[in-house]
Amino acid sequence: MKYDAILMDLQMPEMDGYEATTRIRELSNGIDTPIIAMTADAMKGVKEQVVKVGMNAYISKPFEPVELFSVLQRVIQGSMLKGYQQTAAAAQPSVSLPVLQVEETLARLGNNQALVMLLMQKFKANHFATIEEIREAASGGDRDQARFLTHTLKGAASNTDAKRLVKVLARLEHALVHYNESSFESILIELNESFMEVLVTLDYYLNEHQKATT
C-alpha cells in the first residue's frame, strides 16, 4: 500500500519515530514517501535529527490545522491536496452571507466543509427554542437560568461567527444582570429578529452546499 504522506509522532512507545522512519526508508515502497515529524519536544537539535533520519518536515504540537495543511502541501508530490482545495472551493455558495462570517469559520476550521456543516446543523438543532426558553425563565423570575441560557447561546453563536447575534446576546446578558423589564423586552425583540436572520441564513447555506455537492 502506498501512502501520500506519513505523520510521525517522535515519542511513541516501544519504537520511537526516528527508528520507525529508518525502517520505513528501508522498505521498497517507503523510500520516497513524505514523512512529517510531529512532536511537542522543542529542544535544540530535534529538527537536525529529523532531517538526518530521512524525514521531510517537522511540525510542533500543538498546531493549527492551517499549519498542517501548509506542510502537507509543501511535501506531497501530486494533486491530492489540489483536488481537495478545488472541491472545497466549488462547494462554497457564490453569494455573500453577511449575517454569518462563513469565510472566517472556514478559515478557522481549516476549510473543513464537513465540520462547518456539522457546526451549523448542531446550532439549529440545539438552539431552535432557546429564545423562548430565555423569555420563559426571565418572566418566571429565574434570571440566573435566563443568563445561563443567554451565555450558552452566545458561545454557540460565536462558534458559527454570527457576530451581530453575539453582540445582541451580550447586551441581553448585561440587561439580565441589571434587570429592567422594558429594556429586557426591547432587546429580546431585537434578539428574535437577529436569531431568525441567522436561522434563515443557515438554511440557505446548508441548501446551497447540498446543491453543490449532489
N, C-alpha and C. Protein backbone atom coordinates (compact mmCIF):
# COMPACT_ATOMS: atom_id res chain seq x y z
N MET A 1 0.85 -1.20 0.00
CA MET A 1 0.00 0.00 0.00
C MET A 1 0.88 1.25 0.00
N LYS A 2 0.52 2.21 -0.84
CA LYS A 2 1.29 3.45 -0.96
C LYS A 2 0.52 4.60 -0.32
N TYR A 3 1.18 5.33 0.58
CA TYR A 3 0.55 6.46 1.26
C TYR A 3 1.07 7.77 0.67
N ASP A 4 0.21 8.79 0.67
CA ASP A 4 0.62 10.11 0.16
C ASP A 4 1.58 10.79 1.12
N ALA A 5 1.42 10.53 2.42
CA ALA A 5 2.31 11.11 3.43
C ALA A 5 2.11 10.36 4.73
N ILE A 6 3.09 10.47 5.62
CA ILE A 6 3.03 9.84 6.93
C ILE A 6 3.26 10.91 7.99
N LEU A 7 2.35 10.98 8.97
CA LEU A 7 2.54 11.86 10.12
C LEU A 7 3.18 11.02 11.22
N MET A 8 4.38 11.37 11.60
CA MET A 8 5.18 10.53 12.50
C MET A 8 5.35 11.19 13.87
N ASP A 9 4.75 10.58 14.89
CA ASP A 9 4.96 11.03 16.26
C ASP A 9 6.34 10.56 16.72
N LEU A 10 7.15 11.46 17.21
CA LEU A 10 8.51 11.09 17.60
C LEU A 10 8.56 10.33 18.91
N GLN A 11 7.61 10.59 19.81
CA GLN A 11 7.61 9.94 21.12
C GLN A 11 6.56 8.84 21.19
N MET A 12 6.82 7.73 20.52
CA MET A 12 5.92 6.58 20.57
C MET A 12 6.50 5.52 21.49
N PRO A 13 5.65 4.70 22.12
CA PRO A 13 6.16 3.63 22.98
C PRO A 13 6.80 2.51 22.14
N GLU A 14 7.74 1.82 22.73
CA GLU A 14 8.43 0.67 22.13
C GLU A 14 9.36 1.07 20.98
N MET A 15 8.83 1.77 19.98
CA MET A 15 9.65 2.22 18.86
C MET A 15 9.38 3.70 18.62
N ASP A 16 10.41 4.55 18.75
CA ASP A 16 10.17 5.98 18.56
C ASP A 16 10.12 6.32 17.07
N GLY A 17 9.80 7.57 16.78
CA GLY A 17 9.63 7.99 15.40
C GLY A 17 10.89 7.93 14.57
N TYR A 18 12.04 8.10 15.20
CA TYR A 18 13.30 8.05 14.47
C TYR A 18 13.56 6.64 13.93
N GLU A 19 13.39 5.65 14.81
CA GLU A 19 13.62 4.27 14.38
C GLU A 19 12.58 3.83 13.36
N ALA A 20 11.32 4.24 13.59
CA ALA A 20 10.25 3.88 12.65
C ALA A 20 10.54 4.44 11.26
N THR A 21 11.03 5.67 11.22
CA THR A 21 11.36 6.29 9.93
C THR A 21 12.50 5.55 9.24
N THR A 22 13.51 5.19 10.01
CA THR A 22 14.64 4.44 9.45
C THR A 22 14.17 3.14 8.81
N ARG A 23 13.26 2.44 9.48
CA ARG A 23 12.75 1.17 8.96
C ARG A 23 11.88 1.38 7.72
N ILE A 24 11.09 2.45 7.74
CA ILE A 24 10.24 2.74 6.57
C ILE A 24 11.11 3.03 5.35
N ARG A 25 12.19 3.76 5.56
CA ARG A 25 13.07 4.11 4.45
C ARG A 25 13.78 2.87 3.86
N GLU A 26 13.81 1.80 4.62
CA GLU A 26 14.43 0.57 4.13
C GLU A 26 13.47 -0.25 3.27
N LEU A 27 12.17 0.12 3.30
CA LEU A 27 11.16 -0.59 2.51
C LEU A 27 11.14 -0.07 1.08
N SER A 28 10.85 -0.94 0.14
CA SER A 28 10.85 -0.53 -1.27
C SER A 28 9.78 0.52 -1.57
N ASN A 29 8.64 0.45 -0.86
CA ASN A 29 7.57 1.43 -1.11
C ASN A 29 7.59 2.57 -0.11
N GLY A 30 8.66 2.67 0.69
CA GLY A 30 8.74 3.74 1.68
C GLY A 30 9.90 4.68 1.47
N ILE A 31 10.63 4.46 0.38
CA ILE A 31 11.84 5.26 0.14
C ILE A 31 11.52 6.74 -0.06
N ASP A 32 10.48 7.01 -0.88
CA ASP A 32 10.19 8.40 -1.22
C ASP A 32 8.88 8.92 -0.63
N THR A 33 8.28 8.18 0.30
CA THR A 33 7.04 8.65 0.93
C THR A 33 7.35 9.81 1.88
N PRO A 34 6.72 10.96 1.71
CA PRO A 34 6.98 12.08 2.62
C PRO A 34 6.62 11.73 4.06
N ILE A 35 7.51 12.03 4.99
CA ILE A 35 7.28 11.78 6.41
C ILE A 35 7.41 13.10 7.16
N ILE A 36 6.38 13.43 7.92
CA ILE A 36 6.35 14.68 8.68
C ILE A 36 6.44 14.36 10.16
N ALA A 37 7.47 14.87 10.81
CA ALA A 37 7.65 14.65 12.25
C ALA A 37 6.69 15.53 13.04
N MET A 38 6.07 14.94 14.08
CA MET A 38 5.16 15.68 14.95
C MET A 38 5.60 15.46 16.39
N THR A 39 5.87 16.56 17.10
CA THR A 39 6.33 16.42 18.48
C THR A 39 6.09 17.69 19.26
N ALA A 40 5.94 17.53 20.57
CA ALA A 40 5.85 18.69 21.46
C ALA A 40 7.23 19.05 22.00
N ASP A 41 8.24 18.29 21.61
CA ASP A 41 9.62 18.50 22.07
C ASP A 41 10.27 19.60 21.25
N ALA A 42 10.50 20.74 21.87
CA ALA A 42 11.09 21.87 21.15
C ALA A 42 12.59 22.01 21.43
N MET A 43 13.21 20.95 21.94
CA MET A 43 14.63 21.01 22.28
C MET A 43 15.49 21.22 21.04
N LYS A 44 16.60 21.90 21.24
CA LYS A 44 17.54 22.15 20.16
C LYS A 44 18.10 20.84 19.63
N GLY A 45 18.18 20.73 18.33
CA GLY A 45 18.74 19.53 17.72
C GLY A 45 17.70 18.57 17.19
N VAL A 46 16.43 18.76 17.59
CA VAL A 46 15.38 17.85 17.13
C VAL A 46 15.21 17.95 15.62
N LYS A 47 15.17 19.18 15.10
CA LYS A 47 14.99 19.36 13.66
C LYS A 47 16.13 18.72 12.88
N GLU A 48 17.35 18.89 13.38
CA GLU A 48 18.51 18.32 12.70
C GLU A 48 18.43 16.79 12.68
N GLN A 49 18.00 16.20 13.80
CA GLN A 49 17.89 14.75 13.89
C GLN A 49 16.79 14.23 12.97
N VAL A 50 15.71 14.99 12.87
CA VAL A 50 14.60 14.63 11.98
C VAL A 50 15.08 14.52 10.54
N VAL A 51 15.83 15.52 10.10
CA VAL A 51 16.36 15.52 8.74
C VAL A 51 17.37 14.39 8.54
N LYS A 52 18.17 14.16 9.56
CA LYS A 52 19.23 13.15 9.48
C LYS A 52 18.69 11.75 9.22
N VAL A 53 17.54 11.42 9.85
CA VAL A 53 16.99 10.06 9.68
C VAL A 53 16.12 9.94 8.44
N GLY A 54 15.91 11.07 7.73
CA GLY A 54 15.20 10.98 6.46
C GLY A 54 13.79 11.51 6.43
N MET A 55 13.39 12.26 7.47
CA MET A 55 12.06 12.87 7.43
C MET A 55 12.10 14.13 6.57
N ASN A 56 10.92 14.49 6.05
CA ASN A 56 10.85 15.60 5.10
C ASN A 56 10.51 16.95 5.73
N ALA A 57 9.84 16.91 6.88
CA ALA A 57 9.40 18.16 7.50
C ALA A 57 9.14 17.92 8.98
N TYR A 58 8.91 19.02 9.68
CA TYR A 58 8.77 18.98 11.14
C TYR A 58 7.68 19.96 11.53
N ILE A 59 6.79 19.53 12.45
CA ILE A 59 5.76 20.44 12.94
C ILE A 59 5.61 20.23 14.44
N SER A 60 5.55 21.34 15.18
CA SER A 60 5.47 21.28 16.64
C SER A 60 4.02 21.23 17.10
N LYS A 61 3.75 20.42 18.12
CA LYS A 61 2.42 20.37 18.73
C LYS A 61 2.39 21.31 19.93
N PRO A 62 1.25 21.99 20.17
CA PRO A 62 0.03 21.97 19.35
C PRO A 62 0.19 22.84 18.11
N PHE A 63 -0.60 22.54 17.09
CA PHE A 63 -0.51 23.31 15.86
C PHE A 63 -1.92 23.60 15.34
N GLU A 64 -2.02 24.63 14.50
CA GLU A 64 -3.28 24.98 13.87
C GLU A 64 -3.45 24.12 12.61
N PRO A 65 -4.69 23.76 12.26
CA PRO A 65 -4.90 22.96 11.04
C PRO A 65 -4.26 23.56 9.80
N VAL A 66 -4.30 24.90 9.71
CA VAL A 66 -3.73 25.54 8.52
C VAL A 66 -2.23 25.29 8.43
N GLU A 67 -1.55 25.15 9.58
CA GLU A 67 -0.12 24.85 9.57
C GLU A 67 0.14 23.48 8.97
N LEU A 68 -0.68 22.50 9.39
CA LEU A 68 -0.52 21.14 8.88
C LEU A 68 -0.79 21.09 7.38
N PHE A 69 -1.85 21.76 6.93
CA PHE A 69 -2.16 21.79 5.50
C PHE A 69 -1.01 22.40 4.71
N SER A 70 -0.40 23.44 5.28
CA SER A 70 0.70 24.11 4.61
C SER A 70 1.89 23.17 4.44
N VAL A 71 2.21 22.42 5.51
CA VAL A 71 3.32 21.48 5.45
C VAL A 71 3.01 20.35 4.46
N LEU A 72 1.79 19.83 4.52
CA LEU A 72 1.40 18.76 3.59
C LEU A 72 1.50 19.23 2.15
N GLN A 73 1.03 20.44 1.91
CA GLN A 73 1.06 20.97 0.55
C GLN A 73 2.49 21.10 0.04
N ARG A 74 3.39 21.40 0.96
CA ARG A 74 4.79 21.58 0.57
C ARG A 74 5.48 20.26 0.26
N VAL A 75 5.15 19.20 1.01
CA VAL A 75 5.92 17.97 0.87
C VAL A 75 5.29 16.93 -0.05
N ILE A 76 3.99 16.99 -0.20
CA ILE A 76 3.35 15.95 -1.02
C ILE A 76 3.53 16.26 -2.50
N GLN A 77 4.01 15.30 -3.21
CA GLN A 77 4.14 15.42 -4.66
C GLN A 77 2.89 14.78 -5.27
N GLY A 78 2.13 15.56 -6.00
CA GLY A 78 0.89 15.02 -6.57
C GLY A 78 -0.22 16.02 -6.42
N SER A 79 -1.41 15.59 -6.71
CA SER A 79 -2.55 16.52 -6.78
C SER A 79 -3.60 16.27 -5.72
N MET A 80 -3.28 15.49 -4.68
CA MET A 80 -4.30 15.18 -3.69
C MET A 80 -4.85 16.43 -3.03
N LEU A 81 -3.96 17.30 -2.52
CA LEU A 81 -4.43 18.50 -1.84
C LEU A 81 -5.04 19.50 -2.82
N LYS A 82 -4.48 19.58 -4.04
CA LYS A 82 -5.05 20.49 -5.02
C LYS A 82 -6.49 20.09 -5.33
N GLY A 83 -6.72 18.79 -5.46
CA GLY A 83 -8.08 18.31 -5.72
C GLY A 83 -9.01 18.63 -4.58
N TYR A 84 -8.52 18.48 -3.35
CA TYR A 84 -9.33 18.80 -2.17
C TYR A 84 -9.70 20.28 -2.17
N GLN A 85 -8.72 21.15 -2.43
CA GLN A 85 -8.97 22.58 -2.40
C GLN A 85 -9.96 22.99 -3.49
N GLN A 86 -9.84 22.39 -4.68
CA GLN A 86 -10.77 22.72 -5.76
C GLN A 86 -12.19 22.28 -5.41
N THR A 87 -12.31 21.10 -4.79
CA THR A 87 -13.63 20.61 -4.39
C THR A 87 -14.24 21.51 -3.33
N ALA A 88 -13.43 21.91 -2.35
CA ALA A 88 -13.93 22.76 -1.28
C ALA A 88 -14.37 24.12 -1.82
N ALA A 89 -13.58 24.67 -2.74
CA ALA A 89 -13.93 25.97 -3.31
C ALA A 89 -15.21 25.90 -4.12
N ALA A 90 -15.39 24.81 -4.87
CA ALA A 90 -16.59 24.66 -5.69
C ALA A 90 -17.83 24.47 -4.83
N ALA A 91 -17.65 23.96 -3.61
CA ALA A 91 -18.79 23.68 -2.75
C ALA A 91 -19.31 24.92 -2.04
N GLN A 92 -18.55 26.00 -2.04
CA GLN A 92 -18.97 27.19 -1.31
C GLN A 92 -19.98 27.98 -2.12
N PRO A 93 -21.02 28.51 -1.46
CA PRO A 93 -22.01 29.33 -2.15
C PRO A 93 -21.36 30.53 -2.80
N SER A 94 -21.95 30.98 -3.90
CA SER A 94 -21.37 32.09 -4.65
C SER A 94 -21.87 33.44 -4.16
N VAL A 95 -22.73 33.46 -3.16
CA VAL A 95 -23.27 34.72 -2.67
C VAL A 95 -22.65 35.06 -1.33
N SER A 96 -22.69 36.34 -0.99
CA SER A 96 -22.17 36.79 0.30
C SER A 96 -23.25 36.61 1.36
N LEU A 97 -22.84 36.13 2.53
CA LEU A 97 -23.77 35.91 3.62
C LEU A 97 -23.32 36.73 4.83
N PRO A 98 -23.69 38.02 4.88
CA PRO A 98 -23.16 38.90 5.93
C PRO A 98 -23.64 38.55 7.33
N VAL A 99 -24.77 37.86 7.46
CA VAL A 99 -25.27 37.51 8.79
C VAL A 99 -24.31 36.55 9.48
N LEU A 100 -23.69 35.68 8.70
CA LEU A 100 -22.66 34.76 9.19
C LEU A 100 -21.35 35.06 8.47
N GLN A 101 -20.27 35.09 9.22
CA GLN A 101 -18.95 35.29 8.62
C GLN A 101 -18.41 33.93 8.21
N VAL A 102 -18.97 33.37 7.14
CA VAL A 102 -18.69 31.99 6.75
C VAL A 102 -17.22 31.80 6.39
N GLU A 103 -16.64 32.77 5.71
CA GLU A 103 -15.24 32.64 5.31
C GLU A 103 -14.33 32.53 6.54
N GLU A 104 -14.66 33.28 7.59
CA GLU A 104 -13.87 33.21 8.81
C GLU A 104 -14.01 31.85 9.48
N THR A 105 -15.24 31.31 9.48
CA THR A 105 -15.46 29.99 10.06
C THR A 105 -14.67 28.93 9.31
N LEU A 106 -14.72 28.99 7.98
CA LEU A 106 -13.98 28.03 7.16
C LEU A 106 -12.48 28.12 7.42
N ALA A 107 -11.96 29.34 7.48
CA ALA A 107 -10.53 29.52 7.71
C ALA A 107 -10.12 28.99 9.08
N ARG A 108 -10.96 29.26 10.09
CA ARG A 108 -10.65 28.81 11.45
C ARG A 108 -10.66 27.29 11.56
N LEU A 109 -11.50 26.64 10.74
CA LEU A 109 -11.62 25.19 10.78
C LEU A 109 -10.86 24.51 9.64
N GLY A 110 -9.89 25.22 9.10
CA GLY A 110 -9.02 24.62 8.09
C GLY A 110 -9.73 24.25 6.80
N ASN A 111 -10.77 25.03 6.42
CA ASN A 111 -11.55 24.77 5.21
C ASN A 111 -12.21 23.39 5.22
N ASN A 112 -12.52 22.92 6.42
CA ASN A 112 -13.19 21.62 6.57
C ASN A 112 -14.69 21.83 6.42
N GLN A 113 -15.19 21.62 5.20
CA GLN A 113 -16.60 21.86 4.90
C GLN A 113 -17.51 20.99 5.76
N ALA A 114 -17.15 19.73 5.95
CA ALA A 114 -17.99 18.82 6.71
C ALA A 114 -18.16 19.30 8.15
N LEU A 115 -17.06 19.81 8.73
CA LEU A 115 -17.12 20.29 10.11
C LEU A 115 -17.97 21.55 10.21
N VAL A 116 -17.87 22.43 9.22
CA VAL A 116 -18.70 23.65 9.21
C VAL A 116 -20.17 23.28 9.11
N MET A 117 -20.50 22.32 8.23
CA MET A 117 -21.88 21.88 8.10
C MET A 117 -22.41 21.31 9.42
N LEU A 118 -21.58 20.50 10.08
CA LEU A 118 -21.98 19.90 11.35
C LEU A 118 -22.22 20.98 12.40
N LEU A 119 -21.36 21.99 12.43
CA LEU A 119 -21.50 23.09 13.37
C LEU A 119 -22.82 23.83 13.16
N MET A 120 -23.15 24.09 11.90
CA MET A 120 -24.40 24.78 11.58
C MET A 120 -25.63 23.93 11.94
N GLN A 121 -25.57 22.66 11.61
CA GLN A 121 -26.69 21.77 11.90
C GLN A 121 -26.92 21.65 13.40
N LYS A 122 -25.84 21.56 14.17
CA LYS A 122 -25.96 21.45 15.62
C LYS A 122 -26.52 22.72 16.23
N PHE A 123 -26.13 23.87 15.68
CA PHE A 123 -26.66 25.14 16.18
C PHE A 123 -28.17 25.16 16.04
N LYS A 124 -28.66 24.79 14.87
CA LYS A 124 -30.11 24.77 14.63
C LYS A 124 -30.81 23.78 15.56
N ALA A 125 -30.26 22.57 15.65
CA ALA A 125 -30.91 21.52 16.43
C ALA A 125 -30.93 21.83 17.93
N ASN A 126 -29.83 22.39 18.43
CA ASN A 126 -29.70 22.59 19.87
C ASN A 126 -30.31 23.89 20.38
N HIS A 127 -30.48 24.89 19.50
CA HIS A 127 -30.86 26.21 19.99
C HIS A 127 -32.10 26.79 19.33
N PHE A 128 -32.85 25.97 18.61
CA PHE A 128 -34.03 26.47 17.91
C PHE A 128 -35.02 27.12 18.87
N ALA A 129 -35.17 26.55 20.07
CA ALA A 129 -36.17 27.05 21.02
C ALA A 129 -35.56 27.86 22.16
N THR A 130 -34.28 28.19 22.08
CA THR A 130 -33.60 28.84 23.21
C THR A 130 -34.15 30.22 23.52
N ILE A 131 -34.52 30.99 22.50
CA ILE A 131 -35.04 32.34 22.74
C ILE A 131 -36.29 32.29 23.61
N GLU A 132 -37.19 31.38 23.30
CA GLU A 132 -38.42 31.24 24.09
C GLU A 132 -38.11 30.76 25.50
N GLU A 133 -37.10 29.89 25.63
CA GLU A 133 -36.70 29.41 26.96
C GLU A 133 -36.13 30.55 27.80
N ILE A 134 -35.39 31.46 27.16
CA ILE A 134 -34.87 32.63 27.88
C ILE A 134 -36.02 33.50 28.36
N ARG A 135 -36.99 33.73 27.48
CA ARG A 135 -38.14 34.56 27.83
C ARG A 135 -38.91 33.95 29.01
N GLU A 136 -39.15 32.65 28.94
CA GLU A 136 -39.91 31.97 30.00
C GLU A 136 -39.17 32.01 31.33
N ALA A 137 -37.85 31.79 31.30
CA ALA A 137 -37.07 31.81 32.53
C ALA A 137 -37.09 33.20 33.17
N ALA A 138 -36.92 34.23 32.35
CA ALA A 138 -36.90 35.60 32.87
C ALA A 138 -38.27 36.01 33.41
N SER A 139 -39.32 35.70 32.66
CA SER A 139 -40.67 36.08 33.10
C SER A 139 -41.10 35.31 34.34
N GLY A 140 -40.51 34.13 34.54
CA GLY A 140 -40.80 33.34 35.73
C GLY A 140 -39.94 33.70 36.92
N GLY A 141 -39.08 34.69 36.75
CA GLY A 141 -38.24 35.16 37.85
C GLY A 141 -36.92 34.44 38.01
N ASP A 142 -36.63 33.48 37.14
CA ASP A 142 -35.38 32.73 37.22
C ASP A 142 -34.34 33.38 36.29
N ARG A 143 -33.82 34.52 36.72
CA ARG A 143 -32.90 35.25 35.86
C ARG A 143 -31.54 34.56 35.76
N ASP A 144 -31.17 33.78 36.77
CA ASP A 144 -29.93 33.01 36.67
C ASP A 144 -29.99 32.02 35.52
N GLN A 145 -31.12 31.33 35.39
CA GLN A 145 -31.29 30.40 34.28
C GLN A 145 -31.33 31.14 32.95
N ALA A 146 -31.98 32.29 32.93
CA ALA A 146 -32.04 33.10 31.70
C ALA A 146 -30.64 33.54 31.29
N ARG A 147 -29.82 33.93 32.27
CA ARG A 147 -28.44 34.34 31.96
C ARG A 147 -27.63 33.15 31.45
N PHE A 148 -27.83 31.99 32.07
CA PHE A 148 -27.12 30.78 31.64
C PHE A 148 -27.46 30.43 30.20
N LEU A 149 -28.75 30.46 29.87
CA LEU A 149 -29.18 30.16 28.50
C LEU A 149 -28.64 31.18 27.51
N THR A 150 -28.64 32.45 27.92
CA THR A 150 -28.13 33.51 27.06
C THR A 150 -26.64 33.34 26.80
N HIS A 151 -25.90 33.03 27.87
CA HIS A 151 -24.45 32.84 27.74
C HIS A 151 -24.14 31.63 26.86
N THR A 152 -24.90 30.56 27.03
CA THR A 152 -24.69 29.35 26.22
C THR A 152 -24.95 29.63 24.74
N LEU A 153 -26.05 30.34 24.47
CA LEU A 153 -26.38 30.68 23.08
C LEU A 153 -25.33 31.62 22.49
N LYS A 154 -24.81 32.52 23.30
CA LYS A 154 -23.77 33.44 22.82
C LYS A 154 -22.52 32.67 22.41
N GLY A 155 -22.15 31.65 23.19
CA GLY A 155 -20.99 30.84 22.84
C GLY A 155 -21.20 30.08 21.53
N ALA A 156 -22.40 29.52 21.36
CA ALA A 156 -22.71 28.79 20.13
C ALA A 156 -22.72 29.73 18.93
N ALA A 157 -23.27 30.93 19.12
CA ALA A 157 -23.30 31.92 18.03
C ALA A 157 -21.90 32.37 17.66
N SER A 158 -21.04 32.48 18.66
CA SER A 158 -19.64 32.86 18.40
C SER A 158 -18.94 31.78 17.59
N ASN A 159 -19.22 30.52 17.88
CA ASN A 159 -18.61 29.41 17.15
C ASN A 159 -19.01 29.40 15.68
N THR A 160 -20.21 29.90 15.38
CA THR A 160 -20.67 29.97 13.99
C THR A 160 -20.38 31.33 13.36
N ASP A 161 -19.67 32.20 14.09
CA ASP A 161 -19.31 33.54 13.60
C ASP A 161 -20.52 34.37 13.22
N ALA A 162 -21.59 34.24 14.03
CA ALA A 162 -22.78 35.10 13.87
C ALA A 162 -22.57 36.33 14.74
N LYS A 163 -21.78 37.28 14.25
CA LYS A 163 -21.25 38.34 15.10
C LYS A 163 -22.31 39.33 15.57
N ARG A 164 -23.27 39.63 14.71
CA ARG A 164 -24.34 40.54 15.14
C ARG A 164 -25.15 39.91 16.26
N LEU A 165 -25.47 38.62 16.11
CA LEU A 165 -26.22 37.90 17.13
C LEU A 165 -25.45 37.88 18.45
N VAL A 166 -24.14 37.69 18.38
CA VAL A 166 -23.31 37.68 19.58
C VAL A 166 -23.41 39.01 20.32
N LYS A 167 -23.38 40.11 19.58
CA LYS A 167 -23.46 41.44 20.20
C LYS A 167 -24.80 41.65 20.89
N VAL A 168 -25.88 41.22 20.25
CA VAL A 168 -27.21 41.38 20.85
C VAL A 168 -27.31 40.53 22.12
N LEU A 169 -26.78 39.32 22.07
CA LEU A 169 -26.81 38.44 23.24
C LEU A 169 -25.98 39.00 24.39
N ALA A 170 -24.87 39.65 24.07
CA ALA A 170 -24.05 40.28 25.11
C ALA A 170 -24.83 41.39 25.81
N ARG A 171 -25.59 42.15 25.04
CA ARG A 171 -26.43 43.21 25.62
C ARG A 171 -27.53 42.61 26.49
N LEU A 172 -28.11 41.51 26.02
CA LEU A 172 -29.17 40.86 26.81
C LEU A 172 -28.60 40.30 28.11
N GLU A 173 -27.41 39.74 28.03
CA GLU A 173 -26.76 39.20 29.23
C GLU A 173 -26.54 40.31 30.26
N HIS A 174 -26.11 41.47 29.78
CA HIS A 174 -25.92 42.62 30.67
C HIS A 174 -27.26 43.08 31.25
N ALA A 175 -28.29 43.09 30.41
CA ALA A 175 -29.61 43.52 30.87
C ALA A 175 -30.18 42.59 31.93
N LEU A 176 -29.82 41.32 31.88
CA LEU A 176 -30.31 40.36 32.87
C LEU A 176 -29.59 40.53 34.21
N VAL A 177 -28.36 41.04 34.16
CA VAL A 177 -27.63 41.31 35.40
C VAL A 177 -28.22 42.54 36.08
N HIS A 178 -28.48 43.58 35.29
CA HIS A 178 -29.08 44.82 35.80
C HIS A 178 -30.51 44.87 35.26
N TYR A 179 -31.36 44.04 35.83
CA TYR A 179 -32.65 43.75 35.21
C TYR A 179 -33.59 44.95 35.18
N ASN A 180 -34.10 45.20 33.97
CA ASN A 180 -35.15 46.18 33.75
C ASN A 180 -36.09 45.57 32.72
N GLU A 181 -37.33 45.38 33.08
CA GLU A 181 -38.25 44.62 32.24
C GLU A 181 -38.42 45.23 30.85
N SER A 182 -38.59 46.55 30.78
CA SER A 182 -38.81 47.19 29.48
C SER A 182 -37.57 47.08 28.60
N SER A 183 -36.40 47.28 29.20
CA SER A 183 -35.15 47.15 28.45
C SER A 183 -34.96 45.71 27.98
N PHE A 184 -35.26 44.76 28.87
CA PHE A 184 -35.14 43.35 28.54
C PHE A 184 -36.02 42.99 27.35
N GLU A 185 -37.28 43.43 27.39
CA GLU A 185 -38.22 43.10 26.31
C GLU A 185 -37.80 43.73 24.99
N SER A 186 -37.26 44.95 25.06
CA SER A 186 -36.81 45.63 23.84
C SER A 186 -35.65 44.87 23.19
N ILE A 187 -34.69 44.45 24.01
CA ILE A 187 -33.55 43.70 23.48
C ILE A 187 -34.00 42.34 22.97
N LEU A 188 -34.97 41.74 23.66
CA LEU A 188 -35.45 40.42 23.26
C LEU A 188 -36.10 40.46 21.88
N ILE A 189 -36.80 41.55 21.57
CA ILE A 189 -37.39 41.71 20.24
C ILE A 189 -36.29 41.76 19.18
N GLU A 190 -35.25 42.56 19.46
CA GLU A 190 -34.11 42.65 18.53
C GLU A 190 -33.41 41.30 18.40
N LEU A 191 -33.29 40.60 19.53
CA LEU A 191 -32.65 39.29 19.53
C LEU A 191 -33.42 38.30 18.66
N ASN A 192 -34.74 38.33 18.78
CA ASN A 192 -35.56 37.41 18.00
C ASN A 192 -35.36 37.65 16.50
N GLU A 193 -35.29 38.92 16.10
CA GLU A 193 -35.08 39.26 14.69
C GLU A 193 -33.71 38.77 14.21
N SER A 194 -32.69 39.04 15.02
CA SER A 194 -31.33 38.63 14.66
C SER A 194 -31.21 37.11 14.60
N PHE A 195 -31.85 36.44 15.55
CA PHE A 195 -31.80 34.99 15.60
C PHE A 195 -32.47 34.38 14.38
N MET A 196 -33.62 34.93 13.97
CA MET A 196 -34.31 34.41 12.79
C MET A 196 -33.49 34.64 11.53
N GLU A 197 -32.78 35.75 11.46
CA GLU A 197 -31.88 36.00 10.33
C GLU A 197 -30.81 34.91 10.24
N VAL A 198 -30.27 34.55 11.40
CA VAL A 198 -29.24 33.51 11.43
C VAL A 198 -29.81 32.17 10.97
N LEU A 199 -31.01 31.82 11.47
CA LEU A 199 -31.62 30.55 11.08
C LEU A 199 -31.89 30.49 9.57
N VAL A 200 -32.41 31.59 9.03
CA VAL A 200 -32.68 31.64 7.59
C VAL A 200 -31.39 31.51 6.79
N THR A 201 -30.34 32.18 7.25
CA THR A 201 -29.05 32.13 6.57
C THR A 201 -28.43 30.75 6.66
N LEU A 202 -28.56 30.12 7.82
CA LEU A 202 -28.06 28.75 7.97
C LEU A 202 -28.75 27.82 6.98
N ASP A 203 -30.08 27.94 6.88
CA ASP A 203 -30.83 27.11 5.94
C ASP A 203 -30.35 27.34 4.51
N TYR A 204 -30.15 28.61 4.17
CA TYR A 204 -29.70 28.94 2.81
C TYR A 204 -28.34 28.33 2.52
N TYR A 205 -27.41 28.51 3.46
CA TYR A 205 -26.06 27.99 3.26
C TYR A 205 -26.06 26.47 3.16
N LEU A 206 -26.80 25.80 4.04
CA LEU A 206 -26.87 24.34 4.01
C LEU A 206 -27.48 23.84 2.71
N ASN A 207 -28.52 24.52 2.23
CA ASN A 207 -29.15 24.13 0.97
C ASN A 207 -28.22 24.33 -0.22
N GLU A 208 -27.49 25.47 -0.22
CA GLU A 208 -26.55 25.73 -1.30
C GLU A 208 -25.43 24.70 -1.31
N HIS A 209 -24.97 24.34 -0.13
CA HIS A 209 -23.92 23.33 -0.03
C HIS A 209 -24.41 21.98 -0.56
N GLN A 210 -25.65 21.63 -0.21
CA GLN A 210 -26.21 20.36 -0.67
C GLN A 210 -26.32 20.34 -2.20
N LYS A 211 -26.76 21.45 -2.78
CA LYS A 211 -26.87 21.53 -4.25
C LYS A 211 -25.50 21.36 -4.90
N ALA A 212 -24.50 21.99 -4.31
CA ALA A 212 -23.16 21.98 -4.91
C ALA A 212 -22.48 20.63 -4.80
N THR A 213 -22.92 19.80 -3.86
CA THR A 213 -22.24 18.52 -3.64
C THR A 213 -23.05 17.33 -4.12
N THR A 214 -24.20 17.58 -4.79
CA THR A 214 -25.00 16.47 -5.32
C THR A 214 -25.05 16.52 -6.83
